[in-house]
Amino acid sequence: MRKYFKPGVFILSTIPFLLIFYKIYFNKLGPEPVKEITHFTGEWTLIFICLTLSMTPLKRLTNLNIWISFRRMLGLFAFFYASLHLLTYVGIDYRFNLQPIIYDVLKKKYIFIGFAAWVLLLPLAITSSQMMMKLLKNNWKKLHRLIYVIAIFGALHYIWLSKTIFFRPLVYLVIILVLLALRIKIKHRNVNYG
């Protein structure tokens, strides 16, 4: 069953990348192309973080292990879109000019927390393989709990970027908080009922 679904999930996960590539190639990014790419890749990063976080609750709620087989792939796609988001800012917006980038990271809280989220994602991507899971043993789970912090950082990055609180960034924060609360409830229930 997994071998049929996993390629499908992979193909679906590449659609946002193909869409933005199409827009770039055919010059359909509108009057502010850099802003469009930045927002597009940033939002898809949050979507993939939410999807990754939803796999364990879905497994527990449906009693189907198949959800867990998608978790690593979705997490790696979150890292992929986060890296595109960062590269757009560093490479296209600032043309790898480090001085203003460092200034932004240190002075603007939404850039600092966004950059911190990407830095925290990096070790999760590096240690996502089965080999690293065996090598790190119990420490692997502890390390990968950073996804909870990353998710909150990502939502705050979006809210602070918006200058004033808008509906869309708040929706992501609410979804993330609900997914985290679901995990706490599930764990609590498992402790109580063994």
C-alpha atoms as a PDB file:
ATOM      1  CA  MET A   1       0.000   0.000   0.000  1.00  0.00           C
ATOM      2  CA  ARG A   2       2.789   2.433   0.972  1.00  0.00           C
ATOM      3  CA  LYS A   3       4.711   1.847  -2.256  1.00  0.00           C
ATOM      4  CA  TYR A   4       1.719   3.182  -4.232  1.00  0.00           C
ATOM      5  CA  PHE A   5       0.973   6.181  -2.019  1.00  0.00           C
ATOM      6  CA  LYS A   6       4.528   7.448  -1.410  1.00  0.00           C
ATOM      7  CA  PRO A   7       5.289   8.312  -5.067  1.00  0.00           C
ATOM      8  CA  GLY A   8       1.931  10.087  -5.220  1.00  0.00           C
ATOM      9  CA  VAL A   9       2.711  12.142  -2.102  1.00  0.00           C
ATOM     10  CA  PHE A  10       6.149  12.970  -3.564  1.00  0.00           C
ATOM     11  CA  ILE A  11       4.648  14.156  -6.875  1.00  0.00           C
ATOM     12  CA  LEU A  12       2.013  16.260  -5.080  1.00  0.00           C
ATOM     13  CA  SER A  13       4.742  17.797  -2.892  1.00  0.00           C
ATOM     14  CA  THR A  14       6.678  18.981  -5.962  1.00  0.00           C
ATOM     15  CA  ILE A  15       3.669  20.830  -7.444  1.00  0.00           C
ATOM     16  CA  PRO A  16       4.344  24.143  -5.577  1.00  0.00           C
ATOM     17  CA  PHE A  17       7.950  24.101  -6.859  1.00  0.00           C
ATOM     18  CA  LEU A  18       6.800  23.413 -10.437  1.00  0.00           C
ATOM     19  CA  LEU A  19       4.210  26.177 -10.131  1.00  0.00           C
ATOM     20  CA  ILE A  20       6.701  28.809  -8.991  1.00  0.00           C
ATOM     21  CA  PHE A  21       9.189  27.621 -11.643  1.00  0.00           C
ATOM     22  CA  TYR A  22       6.451  28.049 -14.266  1.00  0.00           C
ATOM     23  CA  LYS A  23       5.699  31.576 -13.000  1.00  0.00           C
ATOM     24  CA  ILE A  24       9.391  32.526 -13.080  1.00  0.00           C
ATOM     25  CA  TYR A  25       9.983  31.019 -16.548  1.00  0.00           C
ATOM     26  CA  PHE A  26       6.925  32.650 -18.116  1.00  0.00           C
ATOM     27  CA  ASN A  27       7.333  35.937 -16.209  1.00  0.00           C
ATOM     28  CA  LYS A  28       4.008  35.636 -14.349  1.00  0.00           C
ATOM     29  CA  LEU A  29       5.166  36.803 -10.912  1.00  0.00           C
ATOM     30  CA  GLY A  30       3.439  40.191 -11.049  1.00  0.00           C
ATOM     31  CA  PRO A  31       4.883  43.646 -10.260  1.00  0.00           C
ATOM     32  CA  GLU A  32       6.985  42.413  -7.263  1.00  0.00           C
ATOM     33  CA  PRO A  33       8.545  39.106  -8.363  1.00  0.00           C
ATOM     34  CA  VAL A  34      10.985  38.716  -5.442  1.00  0.00           C
ATOM     35  CA  LYS A  35       8.220  39.364  -2.916  1.00  0.00           C
ATOM     36  CA  GLU A  36       5.974  36.845  -4.694  1.00  0.00           C
ATOM     37  CA  ILE A  37       8.648  34.084  -4.616  1.00  0.00           C
ATOM     38  CA  THR A  38       9.510  34.857  -0.980  1.00  0.00           C
ATOM     39  CA  HIS A  39       5.900  34.740   0.226  1.00  0.00           C
ATOM     40  CA  PHE A  40       5.060  31.692  -1.886  1.00  0.00           C
ATOM     41  CA  THR A  41       7.990  29.571  -0.651  1.00  0.00           C
ATOM     42  CA  GLY A  42       7.517  30.786   2.947  1.00  0.00           C
ATOM     43  CA  GLU A  43       3.858  29.842   3.005  1.00  0.00           C
ATOM     44  CA  TRP A  44       4.517  26.411   1.513  1.00  0.00           C
ATOM     45  CA  THR A  45       7.181  25.846   4.170  1.00  0.00           C
ATOM     46  CA  LEU A  46       4.523  26.413   6.842  1.00  0.00           C
ATOM     47  CA  ILE A  47       2.060  24.146   5.026  1.00  0.00           C
ATOM     48  CA  PHE A  48       4.609  21.304   4.965  1.00  0.00           C
ATOM     49  CA  ILE A  49       5.482  21.861   8.628  1.00  0.00           C
ATOM     50  CA  CYS A  50       1.762  21.561   9.476  1.00  0.00           C
ATOM     51  CA  LEU A  51       1.455  18.416   7.327  1.00  0.00           C
ATOM     52  CA  THR A  52       4.520  16.895   9.029  1.00  0.00           C
ATOM     53  CA  LEU A  53       3.103  17.641  12.485  1.00  0.00           C
ATOM     54  CA  SER A  54      -0.261  16.129  11.551  1.00  0.00           C
ATOM     55  CA  MET A  55       1.113  12.659  10.709  1.00  0.00           C
ATOM     56  CA  THR A  56       1.408  11.358  14.309  1.00  0.00           C
ATOM     57  CA  PRO A  57      -2.079  12.569  15.397  1.00  0.00           C
ATOM     58  CA  LEU A  58      -3.544  11.048  12.209  1.00  0.00           C
ATOM     59  CA  LYS A  59      -1.827   7.737  12.972  1.00  0.00           C
ATOM     60  CA  ARG A  60      -3.214   7.711  16.525  1.00  0.00           C
ATOM     61  CA  LEU A  61      -6.695   8.842  15.523  1.00  0.00           C
ATOM     62  CA  THR A  62      -7.082   6.394  12.611  1.00  0.00           C
ATOM     63  CA  ASN A  63      -4.924   3.495  13.945  1.00  0.00           C
ATOM     64  CA  LEU A  64      -3.173   3.423  10.553  1.00  0.00           C
ATOM     65  CA  ASN A  65       0.635   3.328  10.455  1.00  0.00           C
ATOM     66  CA  ILE A  66       0.763   4.530   6.849  1.00  0.00           C
ATOM     67  CA  TRP A  67       0.750   8.185   7.959  1.00  0.00           C
ATOM     68  CA  ILE A  68       4.157   7.794   9.638  1.00  0.00           C
ATOM     69  CA  SER A  69       5.720   6.609   6.371  1.00  0.00           C
ATOM     70  CA  PHE A  70       5.007  10.069   4.873  1.00  0.00           C
ATOM     71  CA  ARG A  71       6.390  12.067   7.808  1.00  0.00           C
ATOM     72  CA  ARG A  72      10.074  12.069   6.808  1.00  0.00           C
ATOM     73  CA  MET A  73       9.311  12.997   3.197  1.00  0.00           C
ATOM     74  CA  LEU A  74       7.024  15.861   4.233  1.00  0.00           C
ATOM     75  CA  GLY A  75       9.647  17.094   6.718  1.00  0.00           C
ATOM     76  CA  LEU A  76      12.306  17.106   3.991  1.00  0.00           C
ATOM     77  CA  PHE A  77       9.968  19.045   1.704  1.00  0.00           C
ATOM     78  CA  ALA A  78       9.471  21.570   4.538  1.00  0.00           C
ATOM     79  CA  PHE A  79      13.264  21.968   4.627  1.00  0.00           C
ATOM     80  CA  PHE A  80      13.401  22.187   0.807  1.00  0.00           C
ATOM     81  CA  TYR A  81      10.836  25.020   0.642  1.00  0.00           C
ATOM     82  CA  ALA A  82      12.412  26.753   3.667  1.00  0.00           C
ATOM     83  CA  SER A  83      15.783  26.660   1.871  1.00  0.00           C
ATOM     84  CA  LEU A  84      14.215  28.116  -1.298  1.00  0.00           C
ATOM     85  CA  HIS A  85      12.643  30.812   0.888  1.00  0.00           C
ATOM     86  CA  LEU A  86      16.016  31.641   2.472  1.00  0.00           C
ATOM     87  CA  LEU A  87      17.871  31.526  -0.873  1.00  0.00           C
ATOM     88  CA  THR A  88      15.358  33.951  -2.383  1.00  0.00           C
ATOM     89  CA  TYR A  89      16.067  36.419   0.426  1.00  0.00           C
ATOM     90  CA  VAL A  90      19.869  35.920   0.524  1.00  0.00           C
ATOM     91  CA  GLY A  91      20.549  35.339  -3.171  1.00  0.00           C
ATOM     92  CA  ILE A  92      17.919  37.243  -5.151  1.00  0.00           C
ATOM     93  CA  ASP A  93      16.922  40.014  -2.745  1.00  0.00           C
ATOM     94  CA  TYR A  94      20.392  40.778  -1.319  1.00  0.00           C
ATOM     95  CA  ARG A  95      22.630  39.121  -3.952  1.00  0.00           C
ATOM     96  CA  PHE A  96      24.687  37.406  -1.208  1.00  0.00           C
ATOM     97  CA  ASN A  97      25.752  40.767   0.260  1.00  0.00           C
ATOM     98  CA  LEU A  98      26.425  39.580   3.823  1.00  0.00           C
ATOM     99  CA  GLN A  99      26.620  42.945   5.603  1.00  0.00           C
ATOM    100  CA  PRO A 100      22.945  43.985   5.175  1.00  0.00           C
ATOM    101  CA  ILE A 101      21.849  40.355   5.722  1.00  0.00           C
ATOM    102  CA  ILE A 102      23.655  40.192   9.087  1.00  0.00           C
ATOM    103  CA  TYR A 103      22.200  43.603   9.996  1.00  0.00           C
ATOM    104  CA  ASP A 104      18.672  42.363   9.171  1.00  0.00           C
ATOM    105  CA  VAL A 105      19.125  39.139  11.165  1.00  0.00           C
ATOM    106  CA  LEU A 106      20.329  41.069  14.224  1.00  0.00           C
ATOM    107  CA  LYS A 107      17.920  44.023  14.031  1.00  0.00           C
ATOM    108  CA  LYS A 108      14.654  42.677  12.601  1.00  0.00           C
ATOM    109  CA  LYS A 109      12.926  40.165  14.863  1.00  0.00           C
ATOM    110  CA  TYR A 110      10.913  38.480  12.081  1.00  0.00           C
ATOM    111  CA  ILE A 111      14.103  37.816  10.090  1.00  0.00           C
ATOM    112  CA  PHE A 112      15.969  36.649  13.206  1.00  0.00           C
ATOM    113  CA  ILE A 113      13.266  34.136  14.145  1.00  0.00           C
ATOM    114  CA  GLY A 114      12.848  32.980  10.534  1.00  0.00           C
ATOM    115  CA  PHE A 115      16.591  32.431  10.193  1.00  0.00           C
ATOM    116  CA  ALA A 116      16.644  30.632  13.577  1.00  0.00           C
ATOM    117  CA  ALA A 117      13.859  28.310  12.348  1.00  0.00           C
ATOM    118  CA  TRP A 118      15.905  27.400   9.245  1.00  0.00           C
ATOM    119  CA  VAL A 119      19.050  26.791  11.341  1.00  0.00           C
ATOM    120  CA  LEU A 120      17.040  24.441  13.603  1.00  0.00           C
ATOM    121  CA  LEU A 121      15.619  22.650  10.550  1.00  0.00           C
ATOM    122  CA  LEU A 122      19.106  21.929   9.209  1.00  0.00           C
ATOM    123  CA  PRO A 123      20.095  19.206  11.750  1.00  0.00           C
ATOM    124  CA  LEU A 124      16.667  17.579  11.315  1.00  0.00           C
ATOM    125  CA  ALA A 125      17.201  17.319   7.552  1.00  0.00           C
ATOM    126  CA  ILE A 126      20.757  16.000   8.016  1.00  0.00           C
ATOM    127  CA  THR A 127      19.636  13.326  10.505  1.00  0.00           C
ATOM    128  CA  SER A 128      16.444  12.263   8.719  1.00  0.00           C
ATOM    129  CA  SER A 129      17.808   8.954   7.342  1.00  0.00           C
ATOM    130  CA  GLN A 130      17.288   5.492   8.850  1.00  0.00           C
ATOM    131  CA  MET A 131      21.055   5.228   9.362  1.00  0.00           C
ATOM    132  CA  MET A 132      21.117   8.422  11.479  1.00  0.00           C
ATOM    133  CA  MET A 133      18.080   7.179  13.422  1.00  0.00           C
ATOM    134  CA  LYS A 134      19.971   3.989  14.361  1.00  0.00           C
ATOM    135  CA  LEU A 135      23.154   5.915  15.102  1.00  0.00           C
ATOM    136  CA  LEU A 136      21.519   8.506  17.399  1.00  0.00           C
ATOM    137  CA  LYS A 137      19.071   6.031  19.018  1.00  0.00           C
ATOM    138  CA  ASN A 138      17.042   7.808  21.775  1.00  0.00           C
ATOM    139  CA  ASN A 139      18.737  11.140  21.021  1.00  0.00           C
ATOM    140  CA  TRP A 140      17.153  11.101  17.556  1.00  0.00           C
ATOM    141  CA  LYS A 141      13.654  11.564  18.994  1.00  0.00           C
ATOM    142  CA  LYS A 142      14.865  14.314  21.332  1.00  0.00           C
ATOM    143  CA  LEU A 143      16.547  16.155  18.450  1.00  0.00           C
ATOM    144  CA  HIS A 144      13.512  15.868  16.180  1.00  0.00           C
ATOM    145  CA  ARG A 145      11.256  17.399  18.838  1.00  0.00           C
ATOM    146  CA  LEU A 146      12.794  20.674  17.640  1.00  0.00           C
ATOM    147  CA  ILE A 147      10.067  20.610  14.984  1.00  0.00           C
ATOM    148  CA  TYR A 148       7.650  21.940  17.636  1.00  0.00           C
ATOM    149  CA  VAL A 149       9.855  25.002  18.242  1.00  0.00           C
ATOM    150  CA  ILE A 150      10.450  25.427  14.489  1.00  0.00           C
ATOM    151  CA  ALA A 151       6.692  25.386  13.813  1.00  0.00           C
ATOM    152  CA  ILE A 152       6.028  28.145  16.380  1.00  0.00           C
ATOM    153  CA  PHE A 153       9.006  30.166  15.094  1.00  0.00           C
ATOM    154  CA  GLY A 154       7.660  29.846  11.538  1.00  0.00           C
ATOM    155  CA  ALA A 155       4.204  31.078  12.543  1.00  0.00           C
ATOM    156  CA  LEU A 156       5.702  34.023  14.495  1.00  0.00           C
ATOM    157  CA  HIS A 157       7.936  34.863  11.513  1.00  0.00           C
ATOM    158  CA  TYR A 158       4.817  35.138   9.329  1.00  0.00           C
ATOM    159  CA  ILE A 159       2.851  37.172  11.910  1.00  0.00           C
ATOM    160  CA  TRP A 160       5.709  39.632  12.556  1.00  0.00           C
ATOM    161  CA  LEU A 161       6.420  39.939   8.838  1.00  0.00           C
ATOM    162  CA  SER A 162       2.817  41.035   8.318  1.00  0.00           C
ATOM    163  CA  LYS A 163       3.482  44.152  10.476  1.00  0.00           C
ATOM    164  CA  THR A 164      -0.069  44.075  11.823  1.00  0.00           C
ATOM    165  CA  ILE A 165      -1.901  40.869  12.716  1.00  0.00           C
ATOM    166  CA  PHE A 166      -3.754  39.540   9.688  1.00  0.00           C
ATOM    167  CA  PHE A 167      -6.099  36.580   9.480  1.00  0.00           C
ATOM    168  CA  ARG A 168      -3.902  34.285   7.348  1.00  0.00           C
ATOM    169  CA  PRO A 169      -0.780  34.179   9.567  1.00  0.00           C
ATOM    170  CA  LEU A 170      -2.995  33.635  12.609  1.00  0.00           C
ATOM    171  CA  VAL A 171      -4.667  30.650  10.930  1.00  0.00           C
ATOM    172  CA  TYR A 172      -1.272  28.919  10.700  1.00  0.00           C
ATOM    173  CA  LEU A 173      -0.523  29.662  14.350  1.00  0.00           C
ATOM    174  CA  VAL A 174      -3.898  28.227  15.420  1.00  0.00           C
ATOM    175  CA  ILE A 175      -3.398  25.086  13.277  1.00  0.00           C
ATOM    176  CA  ILE A 176       0.098  24.564  14.757  1.00  0.00           C
ATOM    177  CA  LEU A 177      -1.148  25.055  18.334  1.00  0.00           C
ATOM    178  CA  VAL A 178      -4.032  22.606  17.744  1.00  0.00           C
ATOM    179  CA  LEU A 179      -1.642  20.008  16.298  1.00  0.00           C
ATOM    180  CA  LEU A 180       0.714  20.414  19.263  1.00  0.00           C
ATOM    181  CA  ALA A 181      -2.200  20.206  21.719  1.00  0.00           C
ATOM    182  CA  LEU A 182      -3.391  17.012  20.001  1.00  0.00           C
ATOM    183  CA  ARG A 183       0.046  15.461  20.485  1.00  0.00           C
ATOM    184  CA  ILE A 184       0.014  16.394  24.199  1.00  0.00           C
ATOM    185  CA  LYS A 185      -3.497  14.909  24.639  1.00  0.00           C
ATOM    186  CA  ILE A 186      -2.526  11.707  22.835  1.00  0.00           C
ATOM    187  CA  LYS A 187       0.637  11.309  24.926  1.00  0.00           C
ATOM    188  CA  HIS A 188      -1.307  12.051  28.125  1.00  0.00           C
ATOM    189  CA  ARG A 189      -3.919   9.440  27.212  1.00  0.00           C
ATOM    190  CA  ASN A 190      -1.181   6.877  26.537  1.00  0.00           C
ATOM    191  CA  VAL A 191       0.377   7.566  29.954  1.00  0.00           C
ATOM    192  CA  ASN A 192      -2.998   7.150  31.703  1.00  0.00           C
ATOM    193  CA  TYR A 193      -4.077   4.010  29.887  1.00  0.00           C
ATOM    194  CA  GLY A 194      -0.683   2.463  29.210  1.00  0.00           C
END
